[in-house]
C-alpha atoms as a PDB file:
ATOM      1  CA  MET A   1       0.000   0.000   0.000  1.00  0.00           C
ATOM      2  CA  LEU A   2       1.256   3.479  -0.848  1.00  0.00           C
ATOM      3  CA  ALA A   3       2.448   5.913   1.811  1.00  0.00           C
ATOM      4  CA  LEU A   4       0.163   8.826   2.650  1.00  0.00           C
ATOM      5  CA  VAL A   5       1.551  11.496   0.301  1.00  0.00           C
ATOM      6  CA  PRO A   6       1.876   9.263  -2.815  1.00  0.00           C
ATOM      7  CA  ALA A   7      -1.592   7.867  -2.055  1.00  0.00           C
ATOM      8  CA  LEU A   8      -3.088  11.360  -1.955  1.00  0.00           C
ATOM      9  CA  VAL A   9      -1.321  12.247  -5.199  1.00  0.00           C
ATOM     10  CA  GLY A  10      -2.726   9.102  -6.809  1.00  0.00           C
ATOM     11  CA  ILE A  11      -6.257   9.800  -5.590  1.00  0.00           C
ATOM     12  CA  VAL A  12      -6.175  13.409  -6.815  1.00  0.00           C
ATOM     13  CA  ALA A  13      -4.737  12.363 -10.177  1.00  0.00           C
ATOM     14  CA  THR A  14      -7.434   9.718 -10.558  1.00  0.00           C
ATOM     15  CA  ALA A  15     -10.182  12.211  -9.731  1.00  0.00           C
ATOM     16  CA  LEU A  16      -8.814  14.775 -12.198  1.00  0.00           C
ATOM     17  CA  LEU A  17      -8.499  12.205 -14.981  1.00  0.00           C
ATOM     18  CA  SER A  18     -12.041  10.943 -14.395  1.00  0.00           C
ATOM     19  CA  THR A  19     -13.323  14.518 -14.470  1.00  0.00           C
ATOM     20  CA  ALA A  20     -11.478  15.112 -17.743  1.00  0.00           C
ATOM     21  CA  ALA A  21     -13.015  11.944 -19.214  1.00  0.00           C
ATOM     22  CA  VAL A  22     -16.491  13.180 -18.269  1.00  0.00           C
ATOM     23  CA  ALA A  23     -15.753  16.634 -19.706  1.00  0.00           C
ATOM     24  CA  ALA A  24     -14.589  15.014 -22.945  1.00  0.00           C
ATOM     25  CA  ARG A  25     -17.827  12.988 -23.021  1.00  0.00           C
ATOM     26  CA  ALA A  26     -15.878   9.742 -22.924  1.00  0.00           C
ATOM     27  CA  LEU A  27     -17.693   8.733 -19.717  1.00  0.00           C
ATOM     28  CA  THR A  28     -21.062   9.671 -18.291  1.00  0.00           C
ATOM     29  CA  PRO A  29     -20.891  11.603 -14.976  1.00  0.00           C
ATOM     30  CA  THR A  30     -21.914   8.532 -12.966  1.00  0.00           C
ATOM     31  CA  ALA A  31     -19.393   6.359 -14.799  1.00  0.00           C
ATOM     32  CA  GLY A  32     -16.708   8.961 -14.132  1.00  0.00           C
ATOM     33  CA  GLY A  33     -17.492   8.910 -10.407  1.00  0.00           C
ATOM     34  CA  VAL A  34     -17.322   5.118 -10.293  1.00  0.00           C
ATOM     35  CA  ALA A  35     -14.045   5.127 -12.235  1.00  0.00           C
ATOM     36  CA  ALA A  36     -12.553   7.646  -9.800  1.00  0.00           C
ATOM     37  CA  VAL A  37     -13.473   5.525  -6.765  1.00  0.00           C
ATOM     38  CA  PHE A  38     -12.180   2.256  -8.177  1.00  0.00           C
ATOM     39  CA  GLY A  39      -9.097   3.905  -9.664  1.00  0.00           C
ATOM     40  CA  GLY A  40      -8.323   5.455  -6.290  1.00  0.00           C
ATOM     41  CA  LEU A  41      -8.545   2.043  -4.630  1.00  0.00           C
ATOM     42  CA  ILE A  42      -6.240   0.526  -7.227  1.00  0.00           C
ATOM     43  CA  VAL A  43      -3.515   3.162  -6.909  1.00  0.00           C
ATOM     44  CA  VAL A  44      -3.592   3.243  -3.100  1.00  0.00           C
ATOM     45  CA  ILE A  45      -3.524  -0.518  -2.651  1.00  0.00           C
ATOM     46  CA  ALA A  46      -1.474  -1.767  -5.596  1.00  0.00           C
ATOM     47  CA  GLY A  47       0.500   1.279  -6.731  1.00  0.00           C
ATOM     48  CA  PHE A  48       1.081   3.545  -9.701  1.00  0.00           C
ATOM     49  CA  PRO A  49       1.939   0.957 -12.396  1.00  0.00           C
ATOM     50  CA  TYR A  50      -1.492  -0.593 -11.945  1.00  0.00           C
ATOM     51  CA  LEU A  51      -3.224   2.773 -12.213  1.00  0.00           C
ATOM     52  CA  ILE A  52      -1.175   3.877 -15.215  1.00  0.00           C
ATOM     53  CA  LEU A  53      -1.925   0.660 -17.106  1.00  0.00           C
ATOM     54  CA  LEU A  54      -5.624   1.180 -16.357  1.00  0.00           C
ATOM     55  CA  ILE A  55      -5.408   4.765 -17.635  1.00  0.00           C
ATOM     56  CA  LEU A  56      -3.681   3.623 -20.825  1.00  0.00           C
ATOM     57  CA  PHE A  57      -6.470   1.088 -21.352  1.00  0.00           C
ATOM     58  CA  VAL A  58      -9.098   3.806 -20.934  1.00  0.00           C
ATOM     59  CA  VAL A  59      -7.280   6.168 -23.312  1.00  0.00           C
ATOM     60  CA  GLY A  60      -6.919   3.426 -25.918  1.00  0.00           C
ATOM     61  CA  SER A  61     -10.593   2.524 -25.563  1.00  0.00           C
ATOM     62  CA  VAL A  62     -11.668   6.140 -26.008  1.00  0.00           C
ATOM     63  CA  LEU A  63      -9.522   6.578 -29.110  1.00  0.00           C
ATOM     64  CA  ALA A  64     -10.861   3.342 -30.607  1.00  0.00           C
ATOM     65  CA  THR A  65     -14.429   4.372 -29.795  1.00  0.00           C
ATOM     66  CA  ARG A  66     -14.003   7.813 -31.374  1.00  0.00           C
ATOM     67  CA  TYR A  67     -12.390   6.403 -34.524  1.00  0.00           C
ATOM     68  CA  ARG A  68     -14.783   7.118 -37.429  1.00  0.00           C
ATOM     69  CA  LEU A  69     -17.521   7.798 -34.883  1.00  0.00           C
ATOM     70  CA  ALA A  70     -19.674   9.678 -37.390  1.00  0.00           C
ATOM     71  CA  GLU A  71     -19.755   6.607 -39.632  1.00  0.00           C
ATOM     72  CA  LYS A  72     -20.546   4.333 -36.685  1.00  0.00           C
ATOM     73  CA  SER A  73     -23.337   6.662 -35.601  1.00  0.00           C
ATOM     74  CA  GLN A  74     -24.769   6.750 -39.105  1.00  0.00           C
ATOM     75  CA  ARG A  75     -24.866   2.957 -39.089  1.00  0.00           C
ATOM     76  CA  HIS A  76     -26.184   2.880 -35.484  1.00  0.00           C
ATOM     77  CA  VAL A  77     -23.317   0.748 -34.186  1.00  0.00           C
ATOM     78  CA  GLN A  78     -21.666   3.349 -31.931  1.00  0.00           C
ATOM     79  CA  GLU A  79     -21.120   3.036 -28.186  1.00  0.00           C
ATOM     80  CA  GLY A  80     -23.709   5.046 -26.224  1.00  0.00           C
ATOM     81  CA  ALA A  81     -25.439   8.035 -27.778  1.00  0.00           C
ATOM     82  CA  HIS A  82     -22.258   9.872 -28.724  1.00  0.00           C
ATOM     83  CA  GLY A  83     -19.481   7.361 -28.065  1.00  0.00           C
ATOM     84  CA  GLU A  84     -19.596   7.757 -24.274  1.00  0.00           C
ATOM     85  CA  ARG A  85     -19.450   4.782 -21.921  1.00  0.00           C
ATOM     86  CA  GLY A  86     -21.864   4.381 -19.053  1.00  0.00           C
ATOM     87  CA  VAL A  87     -21.602   3.049 -15.533  1.00  0.00           C
ATOM     88  CA  SER A  88     -22.466  -0.540 -16.474  1.00  0.00           C
ATOM     89  CA  ASN A  89     -19.619  -0.627 -18.974  1.00  0.00           C
ATOM     90  CA  VAL A  90     -17.164   0.804 -16.460  1.00  0.00           C
ATOM     91  CA  VAL A  91     -18.213  -1.600 -13.703  1.00  0.00           C
ATOM     92  CA  ALA A  92     -17.956  -4.597 -16.047  1.00  0.00           C
ATOM     93  CA  HIS A  93     -14.362  -3.688 -16.879  1.00  0.00           C
ATOM     94  CA  ILE A  94     -13.049  -2.454 -13.527  1.00  0.00           C
ATOM     95  CA  VAL A  95     -14.409  -4.814 -10.843  1.00  0.00           C
ATOM     96  CA  ILE A  96     -12.041  -7.688 -11.658  1.00  0.00           C
ATOM     97  CA  PRO A  97      -8.883  -5.525 -11.937  1.00  0.00           C
ATOM     98  CA  THR A  98      -9.803  -3.891  -8.622  1.00  0.00           C
ATOM     99  CA  ALA A  99     -10.352  -7.278  -6.976  1.00  0.00           C
ATOM    100  CA  LEU A 100      -6.900  -8.358  -8.160  1.00  0.00           C
ATOM    101  CA  ALA A 101      -5.383  -5.143  -6.811  1.00  0.00           C
ATOM    102  CA  LEU A 102      -7.025  -5.832  -3.435  1.00  0.00           C
ATOM    103  CA  THR A 103      -4.969  -9.021  -3.121  1.00  0.00           C
ATOM    104  CA  ALA A 104      -1.995  -6.744  -2.372  1.00  0.00           C
ATOM    105  CA  LEU A 105      -3.529  -5.890   1.027  1.00  0.00           C
ATOM    106  CA  GLY A 106      -1.843  -7.311   4.084  1.00  0.00           C
ATOM    107  CA  SER A 107       1.596  -8.672   4.759  1.00  0.00           C
ATOM    108  CA  SER A 108       0.954 -12.117   3.258  1.00  0.00           C
ATOM    109  CA  SER A 109      -0.858 -11.833  -0.062  1.00  0.00           C
ATOM    110  CA  ILE A 110      -2.507 -14.844  -1.664  1.00  0.00           C
ATOM    111  CA  LEU A 111      -0.706 -13.928  -4.892  1.00  0.00           C
ATOM    112  CA  SER A 112       2.933 -13.173  -5.588  1.00  0.00           C
ATOM    113  CA  ASP A 113       3.706  -9.722  -6.995  1.00  0.00           C
ATOM    114  CA  SER A 114       4.596 -11.117 -10.409  1.00  0.00           C
ATOM    115  CA  THR A 115       1.465 -13.286 -10.610  1.00  0.00           C
ATOM    116  CA  ARG A 116      -0.739 -10.380  -9.579  1.00  0.00           C
ATOM    117  CA  ALA A 117       0.844  -8.282 -12.318  1.00  0.00           C
ATOM    118  CA  ILE A 118       0.228 -11.014 -14.916  1.00  0.00           C
ATOM    119  CA  LEU A 119      -3.417 -11.538 -13.924  1.00  0.00           C
ATOM    120  CA  TYR A 120      -4.128  -7.800 -13.733  1.00  0.00           C
ATOM    121  CA  ALA A 121      -2.550  -7.179 -17.129  1.00  0.00           C
ATOM    122  CA  SER A 122      -4.484 -10.146 -18.560  1.00  0.00           C
ATOM    123  CA  ALA A 123      -7.763  -8.620 -17.381  1.00  0.00           C
ATOM    124  CA  LEU A 124      -6.964  -5.324 -19.099  1.00  0.00           C
ATOM    125  CA  ALA A 125      -5.616  -7.161 -22.154  1.00  0.00           C
ATOM    126  CA  PHE A 126      -9.072  -8.665 -22.522  1.00  0.00           C
ATOM    127  CA  GLY A 127     -10.620  -5.220 -22.190  1.00  0.00           C
ATOM    128  CA  ALA A 128      -8.385  -3.783 -24.891  1.00  0.00           C
ATOM    129  CA  SER A 129      -8.790  -6.829 -27.137  1.00  0.00           C
ATOM    130  CA  ASP A 130     -12.574  -6.793 -26.838  1.00  0.00           C
ATOM    131  CA  THR A 131     -12.857  -3.027 -27.298  1.00  0.00           C
ATOM    132  CA  PHE A 132     -10.516  -2.932 -30.295  1.00  0.00           C
ATOM    133  CA  ALA A 133     -12.275  -5.925 -31.871  1.00  0.00           C
ATOM    134  CA  SER A 134     -15.647  -4.222 -31.474  1.00  0.00           C
ATOM    135  CA  GLU A 135     -14.723  -0.663 -32.398  1.00  0.00           C
ATOM    136  CA  PHE A 136     -12.613  -1.531 -35.434  1.00  0.00           C
ATOM    137  CA  GLY A 137     -14.294  -4.780 -36.411  1.00  0.00           C
ATOM    138  CA  VAL A 138     -17.695  -3.100 -36.607  1.00  0.00           C
ATOM    139  CA  LEU A 139     -16.351  -1.177 -39.611  1.00  0.00           C
ATOM    140  CA  SER A 140     -15.851  -4.423 -41.515  1.00  0.00           C
ATOM    141  CA  ARG A 141     -18.367  -5.064 -44.289  1.00  0.00           C
ATOM    142  CA  SER A 142     -18.144  -8.853 -44.086  1.00  0.00           C
ATOM    143  CA  PRO A 143     -18.301 -10.190 -40.505  1.00  0.00           C
ATOM    144  CA  ARG A 144     -19.177 -13.818 -39.919  1.00  0.00           C
ATOM    145  CA  SER A 145     -20.553 -15.829 -37.019  1.00  0.00           C
ATOM    146  CA  ILE A 146     -17.757 -17.109 -34.782  1.00  0.00           C
ATOM    147  CA  LEU A 147     -19.542 -20.471 -34.494  1.00  0.00           C
ATOM    148  CA  HIS A 148     -21.204 -21.075 -37.848  1.00  0.00           C
ATOM    149  CA  PHE A 149     -19.163 -18.780 -40.142  1.00  0.00           C
ATOM    150  CA  ARG A 150     -22.289 -17.531 -41.870  1.00  0.00           C
ATOM    151  CA  PRO A 151     -22.401 -13.822 -42.810  1.00  0.00           C
ATOM    152  CA  VAL A 152     -23.930 -11.535 -40.167  1.00  0.00           C
ATOM    153  CA  GLU A 153     -24.627  -7.830 -39.921  1.00  0.00           C
ATOM    154  CA  PRO A 154     -21.837  -5.593 -38.535  1.00  0.00           C
ATOM    155  CA  GLY A 155     -22.292  -5.172 -34.791  1.00  0.00           C
ATOM    156  CA  THR A 156     -24.001  -8.555 -34.350  1.00  0.00           C
ATOM    157  CA  ASN A 157     -23.048 -10.333 -31.133  1.00  0.00           C
ATOM    158  CA  GLY A 158     -20.700 -13.171 -32.010  1.00  0.00           C
ATOM    159  CA  GLY A 159     -19.751 -11.642 -35.350  1.00  0.00           C
ATOM    160  CA  VAL A 160     -16.028 -11.633 -36.155  1.00  0.00           C
ATOM    161  CA  SER A 161     -13.917 -10.460 -39.062  1.00  0.00           C
ATOM    162  CA  GLY A 162     -10.303 -10.442 -40.138  1.00  0.00           C
ATOM    163  CA  LEU A 163     -10.107  -6.745 -39.300  1.00  0.00           C
ATOM    164  CA  GLY A 164     -11.626  -7.226 -35.868  1.00  0.00           C
ATOM    165  CA  GLU A 165      -9.435 -10.218 -35.006  1.00  0.00           C
ATOM    166  CA  THR A 166      -6.304  -8.354 -36.084  1.00  0.00           C
ATOM    167  CA  PHE A 167      -7.123  -5.457 -33.783  1.00  0.00           C
ATOM    168  CA  ALA A 168      -8.156  -7.856 -31.008  1.00  0.00           C
ATOM    169  CA  PHE A 169      -4.671  -9.353 -31.066  1.00  0.00           C
ATOM    170  CA  LEU A 170      -3.112  -5.902 -31.322  1.00  0.00           C
ATOM    171  CA  GLY A 171      -5.008  -4.706 -28.246  1.00  0.00           C
ATOM    172  CA  ALA A 172      -3.883  -7.725 -26.223  1.00  0.00           C
ATOM    173  CA  ILE A 173      -0.215  -7.575 -27.158  1.00  0.00           C
ATOM    174  CA  LEU A 174       0.034  -3.806 -26.732  1.00  0.00           C
ATOM    175  CA  THR A 175      -1.390  -4.160 -23.222  1.00  0.00           C
ATOM    176  CA  ALA A 176       1.125  -6.917 -22.481  1.00  0.00           C
ATOM    177  CA  LEU A 177       4.084  -4.846 -23.700  1.00  0.00           C
ATOM    178  CA  MET A 178       2.996  -1.672 -21.896  1.00  0.00           C
ATOM    179  CA  GLY A 179       2.289  -3.652 -18.735  1.00  0.00           C
ATOM    180  CA  LEU A 180       5.723  -5.269 -18.846  1.00  0.00           C
ATOM    181  CA  ALA A 181       7.407  -1.878 -19.314  1.00  0.00           C
ATOM    182  CA  LEU A 182       5.478  -0.354 -16.402  1.00  0.00           C
ATOM    183  CA  PHE A 183       5.996  -3.227 -13.974  1.00  0.00           C
ATOM    184  CA  VAL A 184       9.712  -3.367 -14.769  1.00  0.00           C
ATOM    185  CA  ALA A 185      10.043   0.416 -14.410  1.00  0.00           C
ATOM    186  CA  PHE A 186       8.336   0.367 -10.987  1.00  0.00           C
ATOM    187  CA  GLY A 187      10.230  -2.653  -9.723  1.00  0.00           C
ATOM    188  CA  VAL A 188       7.478  -5.255 -10.038  1.00  0.00           C
ATOM    189  CA  VAL A 189       9.717  -7.359 -12.234  1.00  0.00           C
ATOM    190  CA  PRO A 190       8.140 -10.503 -13.716  1.00  0.00           C
ATOM    191  CA  PRO A 191      10.505 -13.473 -13.338  1.00  0.00           C
ATOM    192  CA  ARG A 192      10.465 -14.126 -17.093  1.00  0.00           C
ATOM    193  CA  PRO A 193       9.524 -11.130 -19.291  1.00  0.00           C
ATOM    194  CA  VAL A 194       8.830 -13.258 -22.375  1.00  0.00           C
ATOM    195  CA  GLU A 195       6.479 -15.429 -20.337  1.00  0.00           C
ATOM    196  CA  PHE A 196       4.672 -12.296 -19.126  1.00  0.00           C
ATOM    197  CA  VAL A 197       4.052 -11.011 -22.653  1.00  0.00           C
ATOM    198  CA  VAL A 198       3.003 -14.402 -24.046  1.00  0.00           C
ATOM    199  CA  VAL A 199       0.648 -15.255 -21.167  1.00  0.00           C
ATOM    200  CA  VAL A 200      -1.009 -11.829 -21.072  1.00  0.00           C
ATOM    201  CA  THR A 201      -1.425 -11.651 -24.850  1.00  0.00           C
ATOM    202  CA  LEU A 202      -2.784 -15.184 -25.130  1.00  0.00           C
ATOM    203  CA  ALA A 203      -5.160 -14.796 -22.174  1.00  0.00           C
ATOM    204  CA  GLY A 204      -6.513 -11.456 -23.402  1.00  0.00           C
ATOM    205  CA  PHE A 205      -7.029 -12.626 -26.965  1.00  0.00           C
ATOM    206  CA  LEU A 206      -8.630 -15.952 -26.021  1.00  0.00           C
ATOM    207  CA  GLY A 207     -10.909 -14.205 -23.547  1.00  0.00           C
ATOM    208  CA  CYS A 208     -12.087 -11.998 -26.381  1.00  0.00           C
ATOM    209  CA  GLN A 209     -13.029 -15.098 -28.386  1.00  0.00           C
ATOM    210  CA  ILE A 210     -14.916 -16.512 -25.407  1.00  0.00           C
ATOM    211  CA  ASP A 211     -16.760 -13.195 -25.154  1.00  0.00           C
ATOM    212  CA  SER A 212     -17.833 -13.568 -28.791  1.00  0.00           C
ATOM    213  CA  VAL A 213     -19.042 -17.127 -28.206  1.00  0.00           C
ATOM    214  CA  LEU A 214     -21.020 -16.023 -25.148  1.00  0.00           C
ATOM    215  CA  GLY A 215     -22.434 -13.145 -27.174  1.00  0.00           C
ATOM    216  CA  GLU A 216     -23.713 -15.455 -29.890  1.00  0.00           C
ATOM    217  CA  THR A 217     -24.963 -18.275 -27.677  1.00  0.00           C
ATOM    218  CA  LEU A 218     -26.331 -16.519 -24.578  1.00  0.00           C
ATOM    219  CA  GLU A 219     -26.490 -12.763 -25.121  1.00  0.00           C
ATOM    220  CA  ASN A 220     -28.410 -13.088 -28.389  1.00  0.00           C
ATOM    221  CA  ARG A 221     -30.938 -15.260 -26.553  1.00  0.00           C
ATOM    222  CA  GLY A 222     -31.400 -12.696 -23.786  1.00  0.00           C
ATOM    223  CA  ARG A 223     -29.727 -14.803 -21.099  1.00  0.00           C
ATOM    224  CA  LEU A 224     -26.820 -12.399 -20.676  1.00  0.00           C
ATOM    225  CA  SER A 225     -26.540  -8.648 -21.031  1.00  0.00           C
ATOM    226  CA  LYS A 226     -23.713  -7.044 -22.985  1.00  0.00           C
ATOM    227  CA  HIS A 227     -21.940  -6.049 -19.797  1.00  0.00           C
ATOM    228  CA  SER A 228     -22.330  -9.405 -18.062  1.00  0.00           C
ATOM    229  CA  THR A 229     -20.859 -10.985 -21.203  1.00  0.00           C
ATOM    230  CA  ASN A 230     -17.901  -8.589 -20.938  1.00  0.00           C
ATOM    231  CA  PHE A 231     -17.481  -9.432 -17.250  1.00  0.00           C
ATOM    232  CA  LEU A 232     -17.438 -13.177 -17.939  1.00  0.00           C
ATOM    233  CA  GLY A 233     -15.057 -12.685 -20.852  1.00  0.00           C
ATOM    234  CA  MET A 234     -12.626 -10.804 -18.611  1.00  0.00           C
ATOM    235  CA  LEU A 235     -13.002 -13.423 -15.889  1.00  0.00           C
ATOM    236  CA  SER A 236     -12.166 -16.133 -18.423  1.00  0.00           C
ATOM    237  CA  SER A 237      -8.998 -14.265 -19.425  1.00  0.00           C
ATOM    238  CA  VAL A 238      -7.845 -14.127 -15.818  1.00  0.00           C
ATOM    239  CA  ALA A 239      -8.658 -17.830 -15.386  1.00  0.00           C
ATOM    240  CA  ILE A 240      -6.688 -18.727 -18.529  1.00  0.00           C
ATOM    241  CA  ALA A 241      -3.705 -16.692 -17.328  1.00  0.00           C
ATOM    242  CA  ALA A 242      -3.872 -18.314 -13.877  1.00  0.00           C
ATOM    243  CA  LEU A 243      -3.962 -21.811 -15.375  1.00  0.00           C
ATOM    244  CA  ILE A 244      -0.948 -21.077 -17.572  1.00  0.00           C
ATOM    245  CA  VAL A 245       0.990 -19.645 -14.618  1.00  0.00           C
ATOM    246  CA  LEU A 246       0.144 -22.716 -12.564  1.00  0.00           C
ATOM    247  CA  ALA A 247       1.200 -25.023 -15.381  1.00  0.00           C
ATOM    248  CA  LEU A 248       4.519 -23.211 -15.867  1.00  0.00           C
ATOM    249  CA  ALA A 249       5.474 -22.472 -12.285  1.00  0.00           C
ATOM    250  CA  GLY A 250       3.441 -24.891 -10.210  1.00  0.00           C
ATOM    251  CA  SER A 251       2.107 -22.145  -7.920  1.00  0.00           C
ATOM    252  CA  LEU A 252       0.615 -18.656  -7.904  1.00  0.00           C
END
């Protein structure tokens, strides 16, 4: 946990960034408030590299969402009314990272520092992979069902395309590389950097595919909401990363 002065700096920075996101209409006011609270918890408990990686994820998501927004709006496939993200979206993407950050509490954590970093980065790698796949893939003119490969309309749950899959992988690997750089810079050094990048990228990308399968099989039937699908997709990414870490190292 951070000392008092760095903690206050982190909380203020989080509040200012959330306010800026609301002012830029990237988040609704309620979503901005929720992001500030959870972001403050993350920086106080886990430290600045965790907060910075979260901020980079948010910035990347906003840029992807705003890319060719007028065209998305014309085709009615944009996020929110004007590209903004609401409280349900924020909660779906921040609860799991915050829960992982909370494992840093106490003198004897249930996770090692390096494992926590891998799982946290994997959660955000899913978020970036899923967001990039959606925001860029929706511009594809020829998406297909992830299960049956039949053509579907852009924006259909479970629809995938070459463009979307390319950006899904890009989102995952960029998160892995930025996470590695941050954790090394702040002294949370993964034992094997190559392992960190491979595990985080693989977990994030595969979680995105699971999200698409859940979207086609359960969300389209009304059994899951969009945000519960996102939550389960992120949870699957963390589970995949944990299983790989266990298989490679024998312990978390």
